[in-house]
Structure formats: structure tokens, C-alpha cells
Amino acid sequence: MKIGPGAVSVLLPLVLLQYAVGGAFYPFLGPYLESAKGFEVRDLSLLALGAGVVNCVMPFVWGALADRVIAVNRLICLLHLSAAFSLLLFSRGAGLVMLTGLFALYTAQQQPTNSLSNALCYHNLEDPPKQFGPLRLWGSVGWALPSVPIAFWLLEGGERSLHFIIYLTFGLHLALALLFPLLPHTPPAGRREGAGSFLEDLKILFRSPGFARLLLVTFLVQAGFAIMFYLSPLALGRSLVENDIRLGWLGPIQTCGVLLEIPLFLLLPRFLRRFGYRKVLGLGIAASVVRHLVFANSTSPLMLGLASQLIAPCVVFFLIGVSLAINSIAAREVRATSQTLLALAGSGLGSVLGLATSYLLASEDSVQSSFFFASGCSVLALALLVGVRFPGEGAGREKRGA
């Protein structure tokens, strides 16, 4: 049964906690590894690269299972339960090789839950383009919430307290696993047991107009986004410390950008109706170009802090916009596969490109060259976006011509 505009609250706890997990962990990962594990820039790039390689496979596997074998709500909760204990193993690891393997194990379970949660929402919402933006804004609230206790913890206790993020994230994973009874049951859609084949699913998707090129655009944008995601907190944190500003301000500065996502999510349905997918996605990519260029050319805490706020249009207009665009292209029976294929192209293959290049370019003291590469990827993606076809565009042109 589809969820109408007045009943989206059934999915709200999932979206809130799903992104609270990321907000408690990833913005502080670089400084945590630098202070607690003695990591340098290239170590962090290599650790993230290992996760990217694993994520070339695992999101695809989980998406296929959700479309063909197991209810997506059940799979999400199981993955969060296993991710919680994988995170504890990661925190106990030592040495670059061991930590890279344990981090890959953790992200293989945690990162695909974002795509699977999107697929769960799309399956159950009555009007995804209209309803998903206002629902997803609670993800931004969730991402921002952990920064409050973490900021107070850091300002009070110093660098030794960074281990606090592990326990907070562990608790949030367990809370998500316990949500299982509240989530709408969403079995594999539109299939009898054993019907069809996985290869046929892929043929359905790649025959859809615009699907393949949109994956290529996502691949390039996410190559730059992976650099921004892992290295910008480290660059901003170093800038704060070098200018005698407490590291505890790292969370609030990044949180401001996340909170800016909230009004943009409210505007997203209107923007999509008025401007269409191409212009909205293009706006998100353009914001990422500006953000990359600032990080490539400046070490000022003020400039980096202001540029960090551009995460809002990057996330809302591109990352969420492209997810909605893919959902509009994909048939219902392959929606979970389409979302995890998007994750494969982006956070999988795209991240591998970005982080491998970052590993080769970055020095122990500077990450600026990596951001020049990130900006180039985004500019190329913007050029390729022009040729993407979206559902209804041809019909719209014919109608206007008539």
C-alpha cells in the first residue's frame, strides 16, 4: 500500500537515523585517524580507496537481493546490525593494512543502506518526486544532530575524546536495527519466486533512455565528491588548528552546511517541476565545482568554512536529484537494483577513481592538488549532462511544437 502525503512519518525515523549514522562518523573520520591512529593524508586516501573498491561490488549485491530474494526493510536492518559490530572491530584495529580491511568490511555493510533506504521510500511513497524531498530533509537533521554532543565533547575533552564517535555511531546502528517492526514490509516487487533473471534486469535498465549516460555523470561527480567527503574535513581541521581555533568547531562548521539542506529539500519538488532534472542536477554539479576550487586554492579557515556550506546544493540538487532521476527512469521491478547500480557507479567506481588519484597526487602536508582533479571531474560531468534524456522531455517538446 502506497504512503500518501499525510503518512510519510512512518518512514521518518528511518531517514533521520540513517543519516545520523553518517553524521556521527564520517565528518570526524580523518581527524580521528590522524590523532588516534597516526594517519597521514595518503594513508587516509588509501583507507578510503579500499572501501571504494569493495563498494564496487557490495551495493550491487545487496540491491539484487532486495529486488529478488529478501524484503528491503529486513535487509536494511540486518545490515545495520552487522555494521555496528564491524565498526567496533575497526576501532580496535592497528596498522594501515588491518584498518583498511576493517574499514572496507564496515562500509560494505553501511554505505549501501543509503541506497536501499532510498529504494524503500520510493517503493512506498505515493508521489516520490513530491514527497521524497520533504522527507529526506529529516536526513539532514539527522546528520546534524550528532555534531552537537560531539562538539561539546571535543571542546571539553580534547583530541583523546575523538574515540567517542565510535560509541555514538555504534548506538545509532543498533537503533536502526531495532526499527524493523516499524518499517513498511517491502518484499521483492512485481515478481514471482524465480521469475526473470538478473541479466534481464540489467537489460531493462540499460535500454532505458538516458540511464547509461546518467551513470557516467554520476561516476565523474562522485570521483570528486569522494575526495571532498574524506579530505575536506581533514583540510578544514588542519586549517582550524594552524590558526589557533579549537578542533571542536569542525562539527558546527560542517553542520551549518547540512542545515542549509533543509530549505533546499523543501524547494526541491518545486524546482524539479519548474526546471526539470537536467537544470537541477547541473546546479548541484556547479556548486561542487566552486567548492572544489576553493579547497584547491585556499587554506584560510574562513574561506574553507564558507565553501563547506556548498555541501547543501551538492547533496540536494545532485545526489538526491540523480537518485530521483534514476527512479523515474527505472521500472518498478528493478528499482532497488537501479539505486545500487547508481551507488556502484558513484560511491564505488567513482570513489575508486577519485581516491586512487588523490593517493597519487597528495603529499603528507597538502591535499590541494586532489581538489584540482575533483573540480576537473565535475566540469566534465557538467558537459556530459547536456546529452542526458529524461522521461517526458520528448513528449513535452512535441506538445510545445504542436
Protein backbone atom coordinates (compact mmCIF):
# COMPACT_ATOMS: atom_id res chain seq x y z
CA MET A 1 0.00 0.00 0.00
CA LYS A 2 1.36 3.39 -1.03
CA ILE A 3 2.02 6.07 1.59
CA GLY A 4 0.23 9.34 0.90
CA PRO A 5 1.49 12.85 1.73
CA GLY A 6 -0.04 12.75 5.20
CA ALA A 7 1.54 9.45 6.25
CA VAL A 8 5.23 9.80 5.41
CA SER A 9 6.03 9.86 9.15
CA VAL A 10 6.20 6.06 9.08
CA LEU A 11 9.49 6.43 7.15
CA LEU A 12 10.76 9.47 9.08
CA PRO A 13 12.62 7.55 11.86
CA LEU A 14 14.49 5.52 9.23
CA VAL A 15 15.62 8.61 7.31
CA LEU A 16 16.53 10.51 10.50
CA LEU A 17 18.66 7.74 12.00
CA GLN A 18 20.10 6.58 8.66
CA TYR A 19 21.85 9.90 8.17
CA ALA A 20 22.63 10.40 11.85
CA VAL A 21 24.97 7.40 11.49
CA GLY A 22 26.92 9.16 8.77
CA GLY A 23 26.91 12.49 10.61
CA ALA A 24 28.34 10.90 13.75
CA PHE A 25 31.19 9.16 11.94
CA TYR A 26 32.37 10.46 8.57
CA PRO A 27 32.88 14.21 9.29
CA PHE A 28 35.30 13.24 12.08
CA LEU A 29 36.94 10.18 10.49
CA GLY A 30 40.00 11.98 9.12
CA PRO A 31 40.87 13.84 12.34
CA TYR A 32 40.11 10.67 14.36
CA LEU A 33 42.54 8.57 12.31
CA GLU A 34 45.16 11.32 12.34
CA SER A 35 45.07 11.74 16.13
CA ALA A 36 44.26 8.19 17.29
CA LYS A 37 46.00 6.08 14.63
CA GLY A 38 48.76 8.38 13.37
CA PHE A 39 47.41 8.56 9.81
CA GLU A 40 48.70 10.95 7.14
CA VAL A 41 46.85 12.23 4.05
CA ARG A 42 47.98 9.37 1.80
CA ASP A 43 47.06 6.81 4.48
CA LEU A 44 43.53 8.21 4.63
CA SER A 45 43.26 8.16 0.82
CA LEU A 46 44.39 4.52 0.74
CA LEU A 47 41.96 3.52 3.50
CA ALA A 48 39.07 5.18 1.67
CA LEU A 49 40.24 3.64 -1.62
CA GLY A 50 39.95 0.16 -0.12
CA ALA A 51 36.36 0.92 0.85
CA GLY A 52 35.68 2.23 -2.66
CA VAL A 53 36.95 -1.00 -4.25
CA VAL A 54 34.67 -3.09 -2.03
CA ASN A 55 31.77 -0.79 -2.81
CA CYS A 56 32.18 -1.55 -6.50
CA VAL A 57 30.61 -4.92 -5.69
CA MET A 58 28.61 -4.94 -2.48
CA PRO A 59 25.88 -2.34 -3.20
CA PHE A 60 25.10 -4.20 -6.40
CA VAL A 61 24.82 -7.49 -4.49
CA TRP A 62 22.53 -6.03 -1.83
CA GLY A 63 20.33 -4.35 -4.46
CA ALA A 64 19.91 -7.59 -6.40
CA LEU A 65 18.98 -9.42 -3.19
CA ALA A 66 16.41 -6.75 -2.32
CA ASP A 67 14.83 -6.96 -5.79
CA ARG A 68 14.80 -10.76 -5.97
CA VAL A 69 15.24 -12.52 -2.61
CA ILE A 70 14.67 -10.58 0.63
CA ALA A 71 12.40 -7.75 1.74
CA VAL A 72 14.34 -4.48 1.56
CA ASN A 73 13.20 -3.37 5.04
CA ARG A 74 14.56 -6.61 6.53
CA LEU A 75 17.85 -6.31 4.65
CA ILE A 76 18.40 -2.72 5.84
CA CYS A 77 18.01 -3.69 9.49
CA LEU A 78 20.26 -6.75 9.18
CA LEU A 79 22.98 -4.67 7.54
CA HIS A 80 22.86 -2.06 10.31
CA LEU A 81 23.14 -4.77 12.96
CA SER A 82 26.22 -6.29 11.35
CA ALA A 83 27.71 -2.85 10.62
CA ALA A 84 27.53 -1.95 14.33
CA PHE A 85 29.86 -4.79 15.33
CA SER A 86 32.11 -4.28 12.29
CA LEU A 87 32.63 -0.70 13.47
CA LEU A 88 33.80 -1.91 16.87
CA LEU A 89 36.31 -4.21 15.16
CA PHE A 90 37.56 -1.28 13.08
CA SER A 91 38.10 0.86 16.18
CA ARG A 92 40.23 -1.89 17.72
CA GLY A 93 42.42 -2.31 14.64
CA ALA A 94 46.02 -1.16 14.31
CA GLY A 95 48.23 -0.57 11.30
CA LEU A 96 47.29 0.66 7.83
CA VAL A 97 46.66 -2.78 6.28
CA MET A 98 44.41 -4.06 9.07
CA LEU A 99 42.47 -0.80 9.34
CA THR A 100 41.96 -0.63 5.57
CA GLY A 101 40.48 -4.15 5.56
CA LEU A 102 38.26 -3.50 8.58
CA PHE A 103 37.05 -0.19 7.17
CA ALA A 104 36.18 -1.90 3.89
CA LEU A 105 34.22 -4.52 5.83
CA TYR A 106 32.31 -1.80 7.67
CA THR A 107 31.48 0.31 4.61
CA ALA A 108 30.41 -2.78 2.63
CA GLN A 109 27.52 -3.03 5.09
CA GLN A 110 26.91 0.61 5.99
CA GLN A 111 27.12 2.58 2.74
CA PRO A 112 24.64 0.50 0.68
CA THR A 113 21.96 1.14 3.32
CA ASN A 114 21.64 4.69 1.98
CA SER A 115 20.63 3.43 -1.47
CA LEU A 116 18.42 0.71 -0.01
CA SER A 117 16.66 3.25 2.22
CA ASN A 118 16.01 5.42 -0.83
CA ALA A 119 14.58 2.40 -2.66
CA LEU A 120 12.35 1.58 0.33
CA CYS A 121 10.99 5.14 0.30
CA TYR A 122 10.40 5.14 -3.47
CA HIS A 123 8.55 1.83 -3.28
CA ASN A 124 6.18 3.08 -0.59
CA LEU A 125 5.63 6.76 -1.37
CA GLU A 126 2.63 7.69 -3.49
CA ASP A 127 4.42 10.55 -5.28
CA PRO A 128 8.23 10.27 -4.83
CA PRO A 129 9.25 13.50 -6.67
CA LYS A 130 6.84 15.48 -4.49
CA GLN A 131 7.20 13.62 -1.18
CA PHE A 132 10.80 12.49 -1.03
CA GLY A 133 12.44 15.93 -0.73
CA PRO A 134 10.49 16.97 2.38
CA LEU A 135 11.04 13.50 3.84
CA ARG A 136 14.77 13.48 3.06
CA LEU A 137 15.28 16.83 4.81
CA TRP A 138 14.97 14.84 8.05
CA GLY A 139 18.12 13.09 6.92
CA SER A 140 19.88 16.45 7.04
CA VAL A 141 18.51 16.99 10.53
CA GLY A 142 19.77 13.53 11.45
CA TRP A 143 23.22 14.22 10.01
CA ALA A 144 23.46 17.45 12.01
CA LEU A 145 22.23 16.11 15.36
CA PRO A 146 25.36 14.11 16.38
CA SER A 147 27.60 17.13 15.85
CA VAL A 148 26.10 18.80 18.93
CA PRO A 149 27.22 16.25 21.54
CA ILE A 150 30.46 15.62 19.62
CA ALA A 151 31.29 19.34 19.53
CA PHE A 152 30.77 19.70 23.28
CA TRP A 153 32.78 16.53 23.86
CA LEU A 154 35.69 17.76 21.76
CA LEU A 155 35.70 21.27 23.19
CA GLU A 156 35.69 19.83 26.70
CA GLY A 157 37.96 16.80 26.38
CA GLY A 158 40.37 17.45 23.52
CA GLU A 159 41.64 15.06 20.87
CA ARG A 160 41.62 11.99 23.09
CA SER A 161 37.84 12.20 23.10
CA LEU A 162 37.53 11.55 19.34
CA HIS A 163 37.01 7.86 20.11
CA PHE A 164 33.58 8.93 21.34
CA ILE A 165 32.37 8.89 17.72
CA ILE A 166 32.74 5.10 17.63
CA TYR A 167 30.39 4.51 20.55
CA LEU A 168 27.86 7.06 19.33
CA THR A 169 27.77 5.55 15.82
CA PHE A 170 27.52 2.03 17.26
CA GLY A 171 24.43 3.04 19.25
CA LEU A 172 22.79 4.61 16.21
CA HIS A 173 23.33 1.44 14.16
CA LEU A 174 21.63 -0.62 16.87
CA ALA A 175 18.71 1.85 16.97
CA LEU A 176 18.24 1.38 13.21
CA ALA A 177 18.27 -2.40 13.56
CA LEU A 178 15.51 -2.10 16.17
CA LEU A 179 13.33 -0.12 13.74
CA PHE A 180 12.41 -3.31 11.86
CA PRO A 181 8.86 -3.70 13.29
CA LEU A 182 8.01 -0.09 12.36
CA LEU A 183 9.08 -0.14 8.70
CA PRO A 184 6.63 -0.96 5.89
CA HIS A 185 7.14 -4.53 4.70
CA THR A 186 8.52 -4.29 1.16
CA PRO A 187 9.15 -7.69 -0.46
CA PRO A 188 10.77 -8.01 -3.91
CA ALA A 189 8.49 -6.07 -6.22
CA GLY A 190 6.50 -7.43 -9.12
CA ARG A 191 7.99 -10.94 -9.16
CA ARG A 192 7.02 -14.49 -8.57
CA GLU A 193 9.73 -16.55 -6.93
CA GLY A 194 12.31 -17.48 -9.53
CA ALA A 195 10.82 -15.23 -12.23
CA GLY A 196 13.18 -13.47 -14.62
CA SER A 197 16.94 -13.29 -14.39
CA PHE A 198 19.48 -10.78 -13.14
CA LEU A 199 20.82 -10.29 -16.68
CA GLU A 200 17.31 -9.40 -17.85
CA ASP A 201 17.13 -6.78 -15.07
CA LEU A 202 20.29 -5.16 -16.39
CA LYS A 203 18.94 -5.18 -19.96
CA ILE A 204 15.77 -3.45 -18.78
CA LEU A 205 17.79 -0.72 -17.10
CA PHE A 206 20.34 -0.07 -19.83
CA ARG A 207 17.65 0.06 -22.52
CA SER A 208 16.05 2.95 -20.64
CA PRO A 209 16.83 6.30 -22.35
CA GLY A 210 19.46 8.31 -20.52
CA PHE A 211 20.27 5.66 -17.91
CA ALA A 212 23.82 4.79 -19.02
CA ARG A 213 24.92 8.40 -19.53
CA LEU A 214 23.47 9.42 -16.18
CA LEU A 215 25.59 6.70 -14.57
CA LEU A 216 28.66 8.16 -16.29
CA VAL A 217 27.82 11.65 -15.00
CA THR A 218 27.42 10.22 -11.50
CA PHE A 219 30.73 8.39 -11.82
CA LEU A 220 32.57 11.65 -12.51
CA VAL A 221 30.78 13.76 -9.91
CA GLN A 222 31.30 11.13 -7.22
CA ALA A 223 35.01 10.90 -8.05
CA GLY A 224 35.27 14.49 -6.88
CA PHE A 225 32.76 14.01 -4.08
CA ALA A 226 34.82 11.17 -2.58
CA ILE A 227 37.81 13.50 -2.35
CA MET A 228 35.64 16.17 -0.77
CA PHE A 229 33.99 13.69 1.58
CA TYR A 230 37.18 12.25 3.06
CA LEU A 231 39.76 15.01 2.66
CA SER A 232 37.88 18.29 3.19
CA PRO A 233 37.26 17.65 6.93
CA LEU A 234 40.97 16.94 7.29
CA ALA A 235 41.90 20.12 5.39
CA LEU A 236 39.43 22.21 7.37
CA GLY A 237 40.52 20.67 10.68
CA ARG A 238 44.20 21.40 9.95
CA SER A 239 43.32 24.98 9.00
CA LEU A 240 41.49 25.49 12.28
CA VAL A 241 44.35 24.10 14.38
CA GLU A 242 47.01 26.09 12.48
CA ASN A 243 45.06 29.29 13.19
CA ASP A 244 44.65 28.50 16.91
CA ILE A 245 40.95 27.61 16.59
CA ARG A 246 39.71 24.63 18.58
CA LEU A 247 39.12 21.44 16.59
CA GLY A 248 35.72 21.18 18.28
CA TRP A 249 34.44 23.83 15.84
CA LEU A 250 34.87 21.38 12.95
CA GLY A 251 31.49 19.78 13.59
CA PRO A 252 29.43 23.02 13.89
CA ILE A 253 31.01 24.49 10.73
CA GLN A 254 30.11 21.40 8.70
CA THR A 255 26.70 21.18 10.36
CA CYS A 256 25.74 24.64 9.12
CA GLY A 257 26.08 23.38 5.56
CA VAL A 258 23.94 20.36 6.35
CA LEU A 259 21.24 22.53 7.94
CA LEU A 260 21.15 24.62 4.77
CA GLU A 261 19.95 21.48 3.02
CA ILE A 262 16.61 21.71 4.84
CA PRO A 263 15.12 24.69 2.92
CA LEU A 264 16.56 23.29 -0.31
CA PHE A 265 14.79 19.97 0.27
CA LEU A 266 11.52 21.87 0.75
CA LEU A 267 12.15 23.66 -2.54
CA LEU A 268 13.31 20.57 -4.45
CA PRO A 269 9.85 19.40 -5.67
CA ARG A 270 9.09 22.91 -6.96
CA PHE A 271 12.49 23.17 -8.64
CA LEU A 272 12.03 19.80 -10.35
CA ARG A 273 8.59 20.76 -11.66
CA ARG A 274 9.72 24.15 -12.92
CA PHE A 275 13.23 23.47 -14.23
CA GLY A 276 13.38 19.69 -14.78
CA TYR A 277 16.04 17.21 -13.81
CA ARG A 278 18.80 18.49 -16.10
CA LYS A 279 18.94 22.05 -14.72
CA VAL A 280 18.57 20.94 -11.10
CA LEU A 281 21.36 18.38 -11.42
CA GLY A 282 23.50 20.94 -13.23
CA LEU A 283 23.09 23.40 -10.37
CA GLY A 284 24.31 20.76 -7.90
CA ILE A 285 27.34 19.95 -10.02
CA ALA A 286 28.19 23.64 -10.45
CA ALA A 287 28.15 24.08 -6.65
CA SER A 288 30.60 21.18 -6.32
CA VAL A 289 32.96 22.81 -8.85
CA VAL A 290 33.06 26.02 -6.79
CA ARG A 291 33.61 24.08 -3.56
CA HIS A 292 36.49 22.07 -5.02
CA LEU A 293 38.18 25.16 -6.41
CA VAL A 294 38.09 26.98 -3.07
CA PHE A 295 39.66 23.98 -1.28
CA ALA A 296 42.25 23.76 -4.07
CA ASN A 297 43.31 27.40 -3.79
CA SER A 298 42.89 28.42 -0.15
CA THR A 299 43.96 27.41 3.35
CA SER A 300 42.01 30.19 5.09
CA PRO A 301 39.62 28.82 7.73
CA LEU A 302 37.07 31.48 6.73
CA MET A 303 37.16 30.58 3.03
CA LEU A 304 37.12 26.84 3.71
CA GLY A 305 34.29 27.27 6.20
CA LEU A 306 32.22 29.24 3.68
CA ALA A 307 32.95 26.75 0.91
CA SER A 308 31.87 23.92 3.20
CA GLN A 309 28.34 25.36 3.15
CA LEU A 310 28.09 24.45 -0.55
CA ILE A 311 27.57 20.86 0.52
CA ALA A 312 23.86 21.73 0.65
CA PRO A 313 23.23 22.21 -3.10
CA CYS A 314 25.71 19.40 -3.88
CA VAL A 315 23.66 16.93 -1.84
CA VAL A 316 20.12 18.15 -2.55
CA PHE A 317 20.34 19.09 -6.21
CA PHE A 318 22.72 16.40 -7.40
CA LEU A 319 22.96 13.41 -5.04
CA ILE A 320 19.23 13.37 -4.25
CA GLY A 321 18.23 14.72 -7.64
CA VAL A 322 20.09 12.00 -9.51
CA SER A 323 18.57 9.34 -7.25
CA LEU A 324 15.08 10.64 -8.09
CA ALA A 325 16.00 10.84 -11.78
CA ILE A 326 17.16 7.21 -11.82
CA ASN A 327 13.97 6.19 -10.03
CA SER A 328 11.90 7.95 -12.70
CA ILE A 329 13.75 6.05 -15.43
CA ALA A 330 13.76 2.57 -13.83
CA ALA A 331 10.82 0.15 -13.94
CA ARG A 332 9.32 -0.75 -10.57
CA GLU A 333 10.66 -4.32 -10.52
CA VAL A 334 14.28 -3.16 -10.79
CA ARG A 335 14.25 -0.05 -8.60
CA ALA A 336 16.47 -1.40 -5.82
CA THR A 337 18.93 -2.64 -8.45
CA SER A 338 18.87 0.77 -10.16
CA GLN A 339 19.65 2.58 -6.90
CA THR A 340 22.50 0.26 -6.01
CA LEU A 341 23.82 0.40 -9.59
CA LEU A 342 23.89 4.16 -9.08
CA ALA A 343 25.88 3.54 -5.89
CA LEU A 344 28.20 1.22 -7.82
CA ALA A 345 28.91 3.88 -10.44
CA GLY A 346 29.24 6.64 -7.84
CA SER A 347 30.43 5.66 -4.39
CA GLY A 348 32.03 2.53 -5.88
CA LEU A 349 33.80 3.14 -9.19
CA GLY A 350 33.73 6.94 -8.91
CA SER A 351 35.25 6.84 -5.45
CA VAL A 352 37.98 4.47 -6.65
CA LEU A 353 38.94 6.93 -9.40
CA GLY A 354 38.92 9.93 -7.07
CA LEU A 355 40.72 8.32 -4.15
CA ALA A 356 43.31 6.50 -6.25
CA THR A 357 44.16 9.79 -7.94
CA SER A 358 44.21 11.51 -4.56
CA TYR A 359 46.63 8.89 -3.24
CA LEU A 360 48.97 9.60 -6.15
CA LEU A 361 48.68 13.39 -6.00
CA ALA A 362 48.51 14.18 -2.30
CA SER A 363 51.56 14.84 -0.19
CA GLU A 364 51.87 14.50 3.56
CA ASP A 365 51.26 18.21 4.04
CA SER A 366 48.83 19.19 1.27
CA VAL A 367 45.60 17.97 -0.26
CA GLN A 368 45.11 20.90 -2.65
CA SER A 369 46.19 19.08 -5.82
CA SER A 370 43.50 16.47 -5.19
CA PHE A 371 40.83 19.18 -5.24
CA PHE A 372 42.04 20.46 -8.63
CA PHE A 373 41.42 16.96 -10.00
CA ALA A 374 37.98 16.89 -8.32
CA SER A 375 36.98 20.16 -9.97
CA GLY A 376 38.04 18.83 -13.39
CA CYS A 377 35.86 15.74 -12.96
CA SER A 378 32.85 17.88 -12.08
CA VAL A 379 33.36 20.20 -15.07
CA LEU A 380 33.44 17.17 -17.42
CA ALA A 381 30.29 15.78 -15.78
CA LEU A 382 28.52 19.09 -16.33
CA ALA A 383 29.35 18.91 -20.05
CA LEU A 384 28.08 15.31 -20.34
CA LEU A 385 24.84 16.13 -18.53
CA VAL A 386 23.68 18.17 -21.51
CA GLY A 387 23.15 14.99 -23.56
CA VAL A 388 21.13 13.05 -20.97
CA ARG A 389 17.50 12.32 -21.88
CA PHE A 390 14.89 12.32 -19.12
CA PRO A 391 11.37 10.84 -19.16
CA GLY A 392 8.73 13.10 -20.70
CA GLU A 393 11.15 15.52 -22.37
CA GLY A 394 10.40 14.37 -25.88
CA ALA A 395 6.66 14.44 -25.25
CA GLY A 396 6.98 17.92 -23.77
CA ARG A 397 8.80 19.23 -26.85
CA GLU A 398 6.25 17.65 -29.21
CA LYS A 399 3.41 19.23 -27.24
CA ARG A 400 5.01 22.67 -27.35
CA GLY A 401 5.69 22.26 -31.08
CA ALA A 402 2.06 21.35 -31.70
